[in-house]
Amino acid sequence: MKHEHLLEQMKSRMPEKRFVHTKGVAVTAIQLAKKYGEDVEKAEIAAILHDSVKYADTEWLRSIILSEKMNPLLLKFNQELWHAPVGSYVAKTEFQITDQDILHAIEFHTTGRAGMSKLEKIIYVSDMIEPGRKFSGVDLLREKAKVDLEDAMTSCIKHSVSFLIEKKQPVFPDSFHCYNDMIQQRGTVNE
């Protein structure tokens, strides 16, 4: 990897298990970027930084959401979502990342959104299918990612939304918009 210095900085910000996950996401994102013609360096940076503030203090995350005028709806949903938009902010302010595609890939890696770029999809999918993930259906998602990024993304967002519904958890609107957008792009509505 070209960005070992960023990876080293993540090591002190998270437990070992999450650090291993982060490395797995980076390796997966690099593979998918190569396969689908995306900028490998951008994929690596976004993957390494995607969980940079996952273990930050909740009140600090809340304060950044408020002070930076991020989507206030975030505060009404599970705190697990907060690290993504705040992580994008930290990537910009602390790590001097200015590339909007990288920042969006970090910001929307938990929820997805309508109109995702190829890089955003690569990070979303990589986060879900990296080698350390173990859940029912992950092997099928990995196989789809090897063949068709759009199909893999559609299946990943469907899995995420279905999981939340099954657990009787609220689903952030961006996730529904992402799912609808993916389905409509693929022309499978009403089929």
Protein backbone atom coordinates (compact mmCIF):
# COMPACT_ATOMS: atom_id res chain seq x y z
CA MET A 1 0.00 0.00 0.00
CA LYS A 2 1.16 3.51 -0.81
CA HIS A 3 -0.40 5.19 2.21
CA GLU A 4 1.12 3.29 5.12
CA HIS A 5 1.52 6.60 6.99
CA LEU A 6 -2.27 7.03 7.06
CA LEU A 7 -2.74 3.42 8.11
CA GLU A 8 -0.30 3.91 10.98
CA GLN A 9 -2.28 6.92 12.18
CA MET A 10 -5.46 4.84 12.22
CA LYS A 11 -3.83 2.24 14.45
CA SER A 12 -3.95 4.54 17.49
CA ARG A 13 -7.56 5.56 16.83
CA MET A 14 -9.22 2.17 16.98
CA PRO A 15 -9.11 -1.28 18.57
CA GLU A 16 -6.99 -3.92 16.85
CA LYS A 17 -10.06 -5.69 15.44
CA ARG A 18 -11.24 -2.48 13.74
CA PHE A 19 -7.72 -1.81 12.47
CA VAL A 20 -7.67 -5.27 10.85
CA HIS A 21 -11.08 -4.45 9.33
CA THR A 22 -9.71 -1.16 7.98
CA LYS A 23 -6.79 -2.94 6.32
CA GLY A 24 -9.23 -5.46 4.85
CA VAL A 25 -11.39 -2.68 3.43
CA ALA A 26 -8.30 -1.06 1.90
CA VAL A 27 -7.13 -4.29 0.25
CA THR A 28 -10.64 -4.98 -1.07
CA ALA A 29 -11.10 -1.40 -2.32
CA ILE A 30 -7.77 -1.53 -4.16
CA GLN A 31 -8.79 -4.79 -5.85
CA LEU A 32 -12.20 -3.42 -6.87
CA ALA A 33 -10.69 -0.12 -8.07
CA LYS A 34 -8.28 -2.01 -10.32
CA LYS A 35 -11.07 -4.24 -11.64
CA TYR A 36 -13.52 -1.41 -12.34
CA GLY A 37 -11.11 1.27 -13.58
CA GLU A 38 -11.25 3.58 -10.58
CA ASP A 39 -8.33 5.58 -9.20
CA VAL A 40 -6.54 3.10 -6.91
CA GLU A 41 -4.92 5.78 -4.78
CA LYS A 42 -8.26 7.47 -4.10
CA ALA A 43 -9.81 4.11 -3.19
CA GLU A 44 -6.96 3.34 -0.80
CA ILE A 45 -7.16 6.72 0.94
CA ALA A 46 -10.95 6.58 1.34
CA ALA A 47 -10.79 3.02 2.65
CA ILE A 48 -8.07 3.78 5.19
CA LEU A 49 -9.88 6.87 6.51
CA HIS A 50 -13.47 5.57 6.40
CA ASP A 51 -13.63 4.64 10.11
CA SER A 52 -11.16 7.25 11.41
CA VAL A 53 -13.57 8.56 14.06
CA LYS A 54 -15.70 5.47 14.67
CA TYR A 55 -14.45 5.34 18.27
CA ALA A 56 -14.54 9.08 18.93
CA ASP A 57 -16.53 10.48 21.84
CA THR A 58 -20.26 10.62 21.04
CA GLU A 59 -20.66 14.15 22.36
CA TRP A 60 -17.77 15.32 20.21
CA LEU A 61 -19.35 13.68 17.14
CA ARG A 62 -22.66 15.40 17.99
CA SER A 63 -20.91 18.76 18.39
CA ILE A 64 -19.27 18.47 14.95
CA ILE A 65 -22.58 17.51 13.32
CA LEU A 66 -24.15 20.63 14.84
CA SER A 67 -21.26 23.09 14.38
CA GLU A 68 -20.62 22.05 10.77
CA LYS A 69 -24.34 22.13 9.96
CA MET A 70 -24.43 18.53 8.79
CA ASN A 71 -27.76 16.85 8.16
CA PRO A 72 -29.61 17.36 11.49
CA LEU A 73 -31.63 14.23 10.79
CA LEU A 74 -28.51 12.24 11.70
CA LEU A 75 -29.09 13.08 15.36
CA LYS A 76 -32.44 11.29 15.30
CA PHE A 77 -30.88 8.05 14.05
CA ASN A 78 -28.46 5.49 15.43
CA GLN A 79 -25.15 6.97 16.53
CA GLU A 80 -23.42 4.29 14.43
CA LEU A 81 -24.09 6.56 11.43
CA TRP A 82 -22.39 9.63 12.88
CA HIS A 83 -18.79 8.59 12.29
CA ALA A 84 -19.20 8.64 8.51
CA PRO A 85 -20.02 12.33 7.92
CA VAL A 86 -17.75 13.43 10.78
CA GLY A 87 -15.03 11.18 9.34
CA SER A 88 -15.33 13.04 6.06
CA TYR A 89 -14.94 16.33 7.94
CA VAL A 90 -11.84 15.00 9.73
CA ALA A 91 -10.38 13.73 6.44
CA LYS A 92 -10.68 17.28 5.10
CA THR A 93 -9.57 19.24 8.18
CA GLU A 94 -6.99 16.95 9.75
CA PHE A 95 -5.66 14.96 6.80
CA GLN A 96 -6.04 17.75 4.18
CA ILE A 97 -8.06 15.61 1.78
CA THR A 98 -9.68 17.93 -0.74
CA ASP A 99 -10.94 15.44 -3.34
CA GLN A 100 -14.74 15.53 -3.11
CA ASP A 101 -15.08 11.97 -4.36
CA ILE A 102 -12.93 10.66 -1.50
CA LEU A 103 -14.80 12.83 1.01
CA HIS A 104 -18.18 11.61 -0.26
CA ALA A 105 -17.01 7.98 -0.21
CA ILE A 106 -16.19 8.38 3.48
CA GLU A 107 -19.33 10.38 4.26
CA PHE A 108 -21.77 7.90 2.73
CA HIS A 109 -20.08 4.58 3.51
CA THR A 110 -22.70 3.73 6.16
CA THR A 111 -25.89 4.84 4.42
CA GLY A 112 -25.23 5.06 0.72
CA ARG A 113 -27.14 7.73 -1.21
CA ALA A 114 -28.76 8.31 -4.59
CA GLY A 115 -26.30 9.18 -7.33
CA MET A 116 -23.26 7.47 -5.84
CA SER A 117 -20.01 7.66 -7.77
CA LYS A 118 -18.05 4.55 -8.67
CA LEU A 119 -15.60 5.27 -5.83
CA GLU A 120 -18.45 5.64 -3.31
CA LYS A 121 -19.84 2.28 -4.40
CA ILE A 122 -16.41 0.64 -4.14
CA ILE A 123 -15.97 1.86 -0.55
CA TYR A 124 -19.52 0.90 0.45
CA VAL A 125 -19.16 -2.59 -1.01
CA SER A 126 -15.60 -3.06 0.31
CA ASP A 127 -16.72 -2.15 3.83
CA MET A 128 -19.36 -4.85 3.65
CA ILE A 129 -17.39 -7.66 1.99
CA GLU A 130 -13.82 -7.30 3.28
CA PRO A 131 -12.28 -10.67 4.25
CA GLY A 132 -13.01 -10.30 7.97
CA ARG A 133 -16.76 -9.93 7.54
CA LYS A 134 -18.75 -13.01 8.46
CA PHE A 135 -22.51 -13.00 8.01
CA SER A 136 -25.05 -15.02 6.10
CA GLY A 137 -24.88 -14.04 2.44
CA VAL A 138 -21.45 -12.36 2.48
CA ASP A 139 -19.94 -14.97 0.15
CA LEU A 140 -22.60 -14.26 -2.48
CA LEU A 141 -21.93 -10.53 -2.16
CA ARG A 142 -18.20 -11.18 -2.66
CA GLU A 143 -18.92 -13.21 -5.79
CA LYS A 144 -21.15 -10.47 -7.18
CA ALA A 145 -18.43 -7.88 -6.54
CA LYS A 146 -16.04 -9.90 -8.70
CA VAL A 147 -18.44 -9.74 -11.64
CA ASP A 148 -20.56 -6.57 -11.54
CA LEU A 149 -20.08 -3.60 -9.19
CA GLU A 150 -23.61 -2.30 -9.80
CA ASP A 151 -25.16 -5.66 -8.95
CA ALA A 152 -22.96 -5.95 -5.87
CA MET A 153 -23.91 -2.45 -4.71
CA THR A 154 -27.61 -3.13 -5.25
CA SER A 155 -27.35 -6.36 -3.28
CA CYS A 156 -25.33 -4.72 -0.49
CA ILE A 157 -27.77 -1.85 0.05
CA LYS A 158 -30.68 -4.30 -0.12
CA HIS A 159 -28.97 -6.44 2.53
CA SER A 160 -28.37 -3.40 4.78
CA VAL A 161 -31.93 -2.10 4.53
CA SER A 162 -33.42 -5.58 4.99
CA PHE A 163 -31.21 -6.20 8.05
CA LEU A 164 -32.38 -2.98 9.70
CA ILE A 165 -36.03 -3.71 8.94
CA GLU A 166 -35.68 -7.24 10.29
CA LYS A 167 -34.18 -5.83 13.52
CA LYS A 168 -36.99 -3.25 13.70
CA GLN A 169 -34.46 -0.43 13.42
CA PRO A 170 -35.12 2.84 11.62
CA VAL A 171 -33.59 3.19 8.16
CA PHE A 172 -31.91 6.49 7.32
CA PRO A 173 -33.61 8.10 4.28
CA ASP A 174 -30.38 8.16 2.24
CA SER A 175 -30.35 4.36 2.35
CA PHE A 176 -33.84 4.14 0.86
CA HIS A 177 -32.88 6.72 -1.77
CA CYS A 178 -29.76 4.70 -2.57
CA TYR A 179 -31.74 1.48 -2.92
CA ASN A 180 -34.37 3.11 -5.13
CA ASP A 181 -31.70 4.77 -7.28
CA MET A 182 -29.82 1.50 -7.78
CA ILE A 183 -33.00 -0.37 -8.71
CA GLN A 184 -34.15 2.36 -11.09
CA GLN A 185 -30.74 2.57 -12.79
CA ARG A 186 -30.74 -1.14 -13.41
CA GLY A 187 -34.19 -1.03 -14.96
CA THR A 188 -35.60 -3.66 -12.65
CA VAL A 189 -38.52 -1.66 -11.30
CA ASN A 190 -41.81 -3.53 -11.85
CA GLU A 191 -39.99 -6.62 -13.12
